[in-house]
Amino acid sequence: MTPIKAHLLQLLIGTMLLASLIYLLREFFPGRYIHDKVWAVLLFYSLLTAVTGVVSIHFLGKDKLNSVSVILGSAVFRLLVSLVFVLIALWGGDENILWFVVNFFTIYLLYLLFDIYSLITNLRLHLK
C-alpha cells in the first residue's frame, strides 16, 4: 500500500472513531458542551488533514533532507487556515462562542497529533 493510501485510510478510521465519540458525547451529555457546528469542524479538519497529509507525503518523498521544513510548513499552514475558519464561523455571531472554541481546538489538537504521528512514522520509513 502506498504511503498516501495508508495515510488516507488511517485518517478515515480516525475520523470515524472521533465522529463516534462526538456522537456518544452528544447523546450522553446533552446540552451546550458539544457545539452545534462540531460536525462542520470535524469535516473541515478531516479534509484539511487529508490535503496537508497528501502534500506533505509528496514533498517528503521528493526530498528527504527538508523533512523538518515540510512538517513545520504543514503545521503552520494548518494553523493559519484554522484561524481563518474560526473567523468565518464566528463572523455572524454565536451565543455559545466559548464551547465552539473549546470544541474547535480540541479537534484541532487531535488532528494535529494524528498528522504529526502519521508523518513521523512515514518519515521513519523513508529514512531507512
N, C-alpha and C. Protein backbone atom coordinates (compact mmCIF):
# COMPACT_ATOMS: atom_id res chain seq x y z
N MET A 1 0.85 -1.17 0.00
CA MET A 1 0.00 0.00 0.00
C MET A 1 0.90 1.24 0.00
N THR A 2 0.56 2.20 -0.82
CA THR A 2 1.36 3.41 -0.91
C THR A 2 1.19 4.24 0.36
N PRO A 3 2.18 5.07 0.68
CA PRO A 3 2.07 5.90 1.90
C PRO A 3 0.85 6.82 1.89
N ILE A 4 0.48 7.33 0.71
CA ILE A 4 -0.67 8.24 0.64
C ILE A 4 -1.96 7.47 0.95
N LYS A 5 -2.10 6.27 0.38
CA LYS A 5 -3.29 5.47 0.66
C LYS A 5 -3.35 5.06 2.12
N ALA A 6 -2.19 4.71 2.68
CA ALA A 6 -2.16 4.34 4.09
C ALA A 6 -2.55 5.52 4.98
N HIS A 7 -2.05 6.71 4.63
CA HIS A 7 -2.40 7.91 5.40
C HIS A 7 -3.90 8.19 5.33
N LEU A 8 -4.47 8.10 4.14
CA LEU A 8 -5.90 8.37 3.97
C LEU A 8 -6.76 7.32 4.67
N LEU A 9 -6.33 6.07 4.66
CA LEU A 9 -7.07 5.03 5.36
C LEU A 9 -7.02 5.25 6.87
N GLN A 10 -5.84 5.58 7.39
CA GLN A 10 -5.73 5.89 8.82
C GLN A 10 -6.57 7.10 9.18
N LEU A 11 -6.58 8.09 8.31
CA LEU A 11 -7.38 9.29 8.54
C LEU A 11 -8.87 8.95 8.57
N LEU A 12 -9.31 8.13 7.66
CA LEU A 12 -10.71 7.73 7.62
C LEU A 12 -11.11 6.99 8.90
N ILE A 13 -10.27 6.07 9.33
CA ILE A 13 -10.55 5.32 10.55
C ILE A 13 -10.56 6.25 11.77
N GLY A 14 -9.57 7.13 11.85
CA GLY A 14 -9.51 8.08 12.96
C GLY A 14 -10.70 9.03 12.99
N THR A 15 -11.11 9.49 11.81
CA THR A 15 -12.26 10.39 11.74
C THR A 15 -13.54 9.68 12.14
N MET A 16 -13.70 8.45 11.73
CA MET A 16 -14.89 7.68 12.13
C MET A 16 -14.92 7.45 13.65
N LEU A 17 -13.77 7.16 14.22
CA LEU A 17 -13.71 6.98 15.68
C LEU A 17 -14.04 8.28 16.40
N LEU A 18 -13.49 9.38 15.91
CA LEU A 18 -13.76 10.67 16.53
C LEU A 18 -15.23 11.07 16.36
N ALA A 19 -15.81 10.80 15.20
CA ALA A 19 -17.23 11.09 14.98
C ALA A 19 -18.10 10.25 15.90
N SER A 20 -17.72 9.00 16.11
CA SER A 20 -18.47 8.14 17.03
C SER A 20 -18.38 8.67 18.46
N LEU A 21 -17.20 9.11 18.85
CA LEU A 21 -17.01 9.67 20.19
C LEU A 21 -17.84 10.94 20.37
N ILE A 22 -17.84 11.81 19.38
CA ILE A 22 -18.64 13.04 19.46
C ILE A 22 -20.12 12.71 19.53
N TYR A 23 -20.56 11.76 18.73
CA TYR A 23 -21.97 11.36 18.77
C TYR A 23 -22.36 10.84 20.15
N LEU A 24 -21.51 9.97 20.71
CA LEU A 24 -21.80 9.42 22.04
C LEU A 24 -21.79 10.52 23.11
N LEU A 25 -20.86 11.44 23.02
CA LEU A 25 -20.83 12.54 23.99
C LEU A 25 -22.08 13.41 23.89
N ARG A 26 -22.56 13.64 22.67
CA ARG A 26 -23.78 14.43 22.49
C ARG A 26 -25.00 13.70 23.03
N GLU A 27 -25.00 12.37 22.90
CA GLU A 27 -26.14 11.59 23.40
C GLU A 27 -26.15 11.50 24.92
N PHE A 28 -24.99 11.27 25.53
CA PHE A 28 -24.94 11.07 26.97
C PHE A 28 -24.83 12.37 27.76
N PHE A 29 -24.33 13.42 27.14
CA PHE A 29 -24.20 14.72 27.80
C PHE A 29 -24.87 15.80 26.94
N PRO A 30 -26.20 15.77 26.86
CA PRO A 30 -26.88 16.78 26.05
C PRO A 30 -26.72 18.16 26.70
N GLY A 31 -26.77 19.13 25.86
CA GLY A 31 -26.64 20.49 26.36
C GLY A 31 -25.69 21.29 25.50
N ARG A 32 -25.04 22.21 26.11
CA ARG A 32 -24.22 23.15 25.37
C ARG A 32 -22.76 22.75 25.27
N TYR A 33 -22.36 21.63 25.83
CA TYR A 33 -20.95 21.27 25.86
C TYR A 33 -20.38 20.92 24.48
N ILE A 34 -21.19 20.30 23.67
CA ILE A 34 -20.79 20.00 22.29
C ILE A 34 -21.55 20.98 21.39
N HIS A 35 -20.82 21.82 20.69
CA HIS A 35 -21.43 22.88 19.89
C HIS A 35 -22.14 22.32 18.67
N ASP A 36 -23.12 23.07 18.18
CA ASP A 36 -23.89 22.62 17.01
C ASP A 36 -23.04 22.53 15.75
N LYS A 37 -22.00 23.33 15.66
CA LYS A 37 -21.14 23.35 14.46
C LYS A 37 -20.00 22.34 14.54
N VAL A 38 -20.06 21.41 15.48
CA VAL A 38 -18.96 20.46 15.65
C VAL A 38 -18.80 19.56 14.43
N TRP A 39 -19.91 19.26 13.73
CA TRP A 39 -19.81 18.40 12.55
C TRP A 39 -19.12 19.13 11.40
N ALA A 40 -19.36 20.44 11.29
CA ALA A 40 -18.66 21.22 10.27
C ALA A 40 -17.17 21.28 10.58
N VAL A 41 -16.84 21.41 11.86
CA VAL A 41 -15.43 21.44 12.27
C VAL A 41 -14.77 20.10 11.97
N LEU A 42 -15.45 19.03 12.27
CA LEU A 42 -14.90 17.70 12.00
C LEU A 42 -14.68 17.48 10.51
N LEU A 43 -15.63 17.87 9.69
CA LEU A 43 -15.47 17.75 8.24
C LEU A 43 -14.32 18.62 7.75
N PHE A 44 -14.24 19.84 8.26
CA PHE A 44 -13.17 20.75 7.88
C PHE A 44 -11.80 20.14 8.19
N TYR A 45 -11.64 19.63 9.39
CA TYR A 45 -10.33 19.08 9.76
C TYR A 45 -10.02 17.78 9.05
N SER A 46 -11.01 16.97 8.77
CA SER A 46 -10.70 15.74 8.03
C SER A 46 -10.22 16.08 6.62
N LEU A 47 -10.86 17.06 5.98
CA LEU A 47 -10.41 17.47 4.64
C LEU A 47 -9.06 18.18 4.69
N LEU A 48 -8.86 19.05 5.68
CA LEU A 48 -7.59 19.75 5.80
C LEU A 48 -6.45 18.78 6.09
N THR A 49 -6.68 17.81 6.94
CA THR A 49 -5.65 16.82 7.24
C THR A 49 -5.35 15.95 6.03
N ALA A 50 -6.38 15.62 5.26
CA ALA A 50 -6.15 14.83 4.05
C ALA A 50 -5.29 15.60 3.06
N VAL A 51 -5.62 16.87 2.84
CA VAL A 51 -4.87 17.67 1.88
C VAL A 51 -3.43 17.90 2.35
N THR A 52 -3.26 18.34 3.59
CA THR A 52 -1.90 18.60 4.07
C THR A 52 -1.09 17.31 4.18
N GLY A 53 -1.73 16.21 4.51
CA GLY A 53 -1.02 14.94 4.58
C GLY A 53 -0.53 14.47 3.23
N VAL A 54 -1.40 14.55 2.22
CA VAL A 54 -1.01 14.13 0.87
C VAL A 54 0.12 15.02 0.33
N VAL A 55 -0.01 16.33 0.52
CA VAL A 55 1.03 17.24 0.05
C VAL A 55 2.35 17.00 0.80
N SER A 56 2.26 16.80 2.10
CA SER A 56 3.48 16.55 2.89
C SER A 56 4.16 15.24 2.49
N ILE A 57 3.37 14.20 2.31
CA ILE A 57 3.95 12.92 1.91
C ILE A 57 4.58 13.04 0.52
N HIS A 58 3.94 13.79 -0.35
CA HIS A 58 4.51 14.00 -1.69
C HIS A 58 5.88 14.70 -1.60
N PHE A 59 5.95 15.77 -0.81
CA PHE A 59 7.22 16.50 -0.68
C PHE A 59 8.26 15.71 0.11
N LEU A 60 7.83 14.91 1.08
CA LEU A 60 8.78 14.08 1.81
C LEU A 60 9.37 13.01 0.90
N GLY A 61 8.58 12.53 -0.04
CA GLY A 61 9.09 11.53 -0.98
C GLY A 61 10.08 12.11 -1.97
N LYS A 62 9.95 13.38 -2.29
CA LYS A 62 10.86 14.02 -3.24
C LYS A 62 12.20 14.38 -2.62
N ASP A 63 12.16 14.95 -1.42
CA ASP A 63 13.40 15.43 -0.80
C ASP A 63 13.37 15.11 0.68
N LYS A 64 14.15 14.12 1.07
CA LYS A 64 14.16 13.69 2.47
C LYS A 64 14.91 14.64 3.38
N LEU A 65 15.75 15.49 2.82
CA LEU A 65 16.55 16.40 3.64
C LEU A 65 15.74 17.57 4.19
N ASN A 66 14.64 17.91 3.56
CA ASN A 66 13.81 19.02 4.02
C ASN A 66 12.61 18.56 4.83
N SER A 67 12.73 17.45 5.53
CA SER A 67 11.58 16.88 6.23
C SER A 67 11.08 17.80 7.34
N VAL A 68 11.97 18.44 8.06
CA VAL A 68 11.55 19.33 9.13
C VAL A 68 10.80 20.52 8.55
N SER A 69 11.27 21.05 7.45
CA SER A 69 10.60 22.18 6.81
C SER A 69 9.21 21.80 6.31
N VAL A 70 9.08 20.61 5.79
CA VAL A 70 7.78 20.16 5.28
C VAL A 70 6.80 19.99 6.43
N ILE A 71 7.22 19.35 7.51
CA ILE A 71 6.32 19.13 8.64
C ILE A 71 5.97 20.45 9.32
N LEU A 72 6.94 21.32 9.51
CA LEU A 72 6.68 22.62 10.11
C LEU A 72 5.80 23.49 9.21
N GLY A 73 6.07 23.48 7.92
CA GLY A 73 5.24 24.23 6.98
C GLY A 73 3.80 23.74 6.98
N SER A 74 3.63 22.43 7.08
CA SER A 74 2.29 21.86 7.14
C SER A 74 1.56 22.31 8.39
N ALA A 75 2.25 22.33 9.52
CA ALA A 75 1.63 22.74 10.78
C ALA A 75 1.27 24.23 10.76
N VAL A 76 2.13 25.06 10.20
CA VAL A 76 1.85 26.50 10.12
C VAL A 76 0.68 26.75 9.16
N PHE A 77 0.67 26.07 8.03
CA PHE A 77 -0.44 26.21 7.09
C PHE A 77 -1.76 25.81 7.75
N ARG A 78 -1.74 24.71 8.49
CA ARG A 78 -2.94 24.23 9.19
C ARG A 78 -3.41 25.26 10.21
N LEU A 79 -2.48 25.88 10.93
CA LEU A 79 -2.84 26.89 11.93
C LEU A 79 -3.47 28.11 11.27
N LEU A 80 -2.88 28.59 10.20
CA LEU A 80 -3.41 29.78 9.53
C LEU A 80 -4.79 29.52 8.92
N VAL A 81 -4.96 28.39 8.27
CA VAL A 81 -6.26 28.06 7.68
C VAL A 81 -7.30 27.87 8.78
N SER A 82 -6.88 27.31 9.91
CA SER A 82 -7.80 27.12 11.03
C SER A 82 -8.26 28.45 11.61
N LEU A 83 -7.36 29.40 11.73
CA LEU A 83 -7.74 30.72 12.23
C LEU A 83 -8.73 31.40 11.29
N VAL A 84 -8.52 31.26 9.99
CA VAL A 84 -9.46 31.83 9.02
C VAL A 84 -10.82 31.15 9.16
N PHE A 85 -10.83 29.83 9.36
CA PHE A 85 -12.08 29.10 9.54
C PHE A 85 -12.83 29.59 10.78
N VAL A 86 -12.10 29.79 11.88
CA VAL A 86 -12.73 30.29 13.11
C VAL A 86 -13.33 31.67 12.89
N LEU A 87 -12.58 32.54 12.23
CA LEU A 87 -13.10 33.89 11.97
C LEU A 87 -14.36 33.86 11.11
N ILE A 88 -14.36 33.02 10.09
CA ILE A 88 -15.55 32.91 9.23
C ILE A 88 -16.72 32.30 9.99
N ALA A 89 -16.45 31.27 10.79
CA ALA A 89 -17.52 30.59 11.53
C ALA A 89 -18.15 31.50 12.58
N LEU A 90 -17.36 32.37 13.18
CA LEU A 90 -17.87 33.25 14.23
C LEU A 90 -18.26 34.63 13.73
N TRP A 91 -18.15 34.87 12.44
CA TRP A 91 -18.43 36.19 11.88
C TRP A 91 -19.86 36.64 12.18
N GLY A 92 -20.81 35.76 12.00
CA GLY A 92 -22.21 36.12 12.17
C GLY A 92 -22.64 36.24 13.62
N GLY A 93 -21.81 35.84 14.51
CA GLY A 93 -22.17 35.89 15.92
C GLY A 93 -22.77 34.57 16.38
N ASP A 94 -22.49 34.23 17.59
CA ASP A 94 -22.97 32.97 18.15
C ASP A 94 -23.11 33.17 19.65
N GLU A 95 -24.12 32.57 20.22
CA GLU A 95 -24.32 32.74 21.65
C GLU A 95 -23.43 31.81 22.48
N ASN A 96 -22.82 30.85 21.85
CA ASN A 96 -22.05 29.84 22.57
C ASN A 96 -20.62 29.80 22.05
N ILE A 97 -19.96 30.94 22.03
CA ILE A 97 -18.63 31.06 21.44
C ILE A 97 -17.60 30.25 22.22
N LEU A 98 -17.68 30.26 23.53
CA LEU A 98 -16.68 29.56 24.35
C LEU A 98 -16.63 28.07 24.01
N TRP A 99 -17.79 27.42 23.93
CA TRP A 99 -17.78 25.99 23.66
C TRP A 99 -17.42 25.69 22.22
N PHE A 100 -17.71 26.61 21.31
CA PHE A 100 -17.25 26.43 19.94
C PHE A 100 -15.73 26.41 19.89
N VAL A 101 -15.11 27.37 20.56
CA VAL A 101 -13.65 27.46 20.56
C VAL A 101 -13.04 26.25 21.27
N VAL A 102 -13.63 25.82 22.37
CA VAL A 102 -13.11 24.64 23.08
C VAL A 102 -13.22 23.40 22.19
N ASN A 103 -14.38 23.19 21.58
CA ASN A 103 -14.56 22.04 20.67
C ASN A 103 -13.63 22.13 19.47
N PHE A 104 -13.50 23.33 18.92
CA PHE A 104 -12.68 23.53 17.74
C PHE A 104 -11.22 23.18 18.01
N PHE A 105 -10.67 23.72 19.08
CA PHE A 105 -9.25 23.48 19.33
C PHE A 105 -8.97 22.09 19.91
N THR A 106 -9.97 21.46 20.50
CA THR A 106 -9.79 20.05 20.89
C THR A 106 -9.66 19.19 19.64
N ILE A 107 -10.54 19.41 18.67
CA ILE A 107 -10.45 18.66 17.41
C ILE A 107 -9.17 19.03 16.67
N TYR A 108 -8.80 20.31 16.71
CA TYR A 108 -7.55 20.77 16.08
C TYR A 108 -6.35 20.01 16.64
N LEU A 109 -6.27 19.92 17.95
CA LEU A 109 -5.12 19.24 18.57
C LEU A 109 -5.13 17.75 18.28
N LEU A 110 -6.30 17.12 18.26
CA LEU A 110 -6.36 15.69 17.94
C LEU A 110 -5.90 15.42 16.51
N TYR A 111 -6.34 16.24 15.57
CA TYR A 111 -5.90 16.04 14.18
C TYR A 111 -4.43 16.42 14.01
N LEU A 112 -3.96 17.39 14.75
CA LEU A 112 -2.54 17.75 14.68
C LEU A 112 -1.67 16.60 15.20
N LEU A 113 -2.09 15.99 16.30
CA LEU A 113 -1.36 14.82 16.81
C LEU A 113 -1.38 13.67 15.81
N PHE A 114 -2.53 13.45 15.20
CA PHE A 114 -2.62 12.41 14.18
C PHE A 114 -1.67 12.69 13.02
N ASP A 115 -1.66 13.94 12.56
CA ASP A 115 -0.84 14.30 11.42
C ASP A 115 0.65 14.16 11.75
N ILE A 116 1.05 14.64 12.90
CA ILE A 116 2.46 14.53 13.30
C ILE A 116 2.86 13.06 13.45
N TYR A 117 2.02 12.27 14.09
CA TYR A 117 2.32 10.85 14.25
C TYR A 117 2.41 10.16 12.90
N SER A 118 1.47 10.46 12.02
CA SER A 118 1.44 9.82 10.70
C SER A 118 2.65 10.22 9.86
N LEU A 119 3.00 11.51 9.88
CA LEU A 119 4.13 11.97 9.07
C LEU A 119 5.46 11.49 9.63
N ILE A 120 5.60 11.46 10.94
CA ILE A 120 6.86 10.99 11.53
C ILE A 120 7.03 9.49 11.28
N THR A 121 5.94 8.73 11.37
CA THR A 121 6.02 7.31 11.07
C THR A 121 6.39 7.11 9.60
N ASN A 122 5.81 7.90 8.72
CA ASN A 122 6.11 7.81 7.29
C ASN A 122 7.55 8.24 7.03
N LEU A 123 8.00 9.28 7.71
CA LEU A 123 9.36 9.76 7.54
C LEU A 123 10.38 8.71 7.98
N ARG A 124 10.08 8.02 9.07
CA ARG A 124 10.98 6.98 9.56
C ARG A 124 11.15 5.89 8.51
N LEU A 125 10.07 5.55 7.79
CA LEU A 125 10.16 4.53 6.75
C LEU A 125 11.02 5.00 5.58
N HIS A 126 10.97 6.29 5.27
CA HIS A 126 11.75 6.80 4.14
C HIS A 126 13.23 6.90 4.45
N LEU A 127 13.58 7.09 5.71
CA LEU A 127 14.99 7.27 6.05
C LEU A 127 15.75 5.95 6.10
N LYS A 128 15.07 4.84 6.21
CA LYS A 128 15.76 3.55 6.29
C LYS A 128 16.34 3.14 4.95
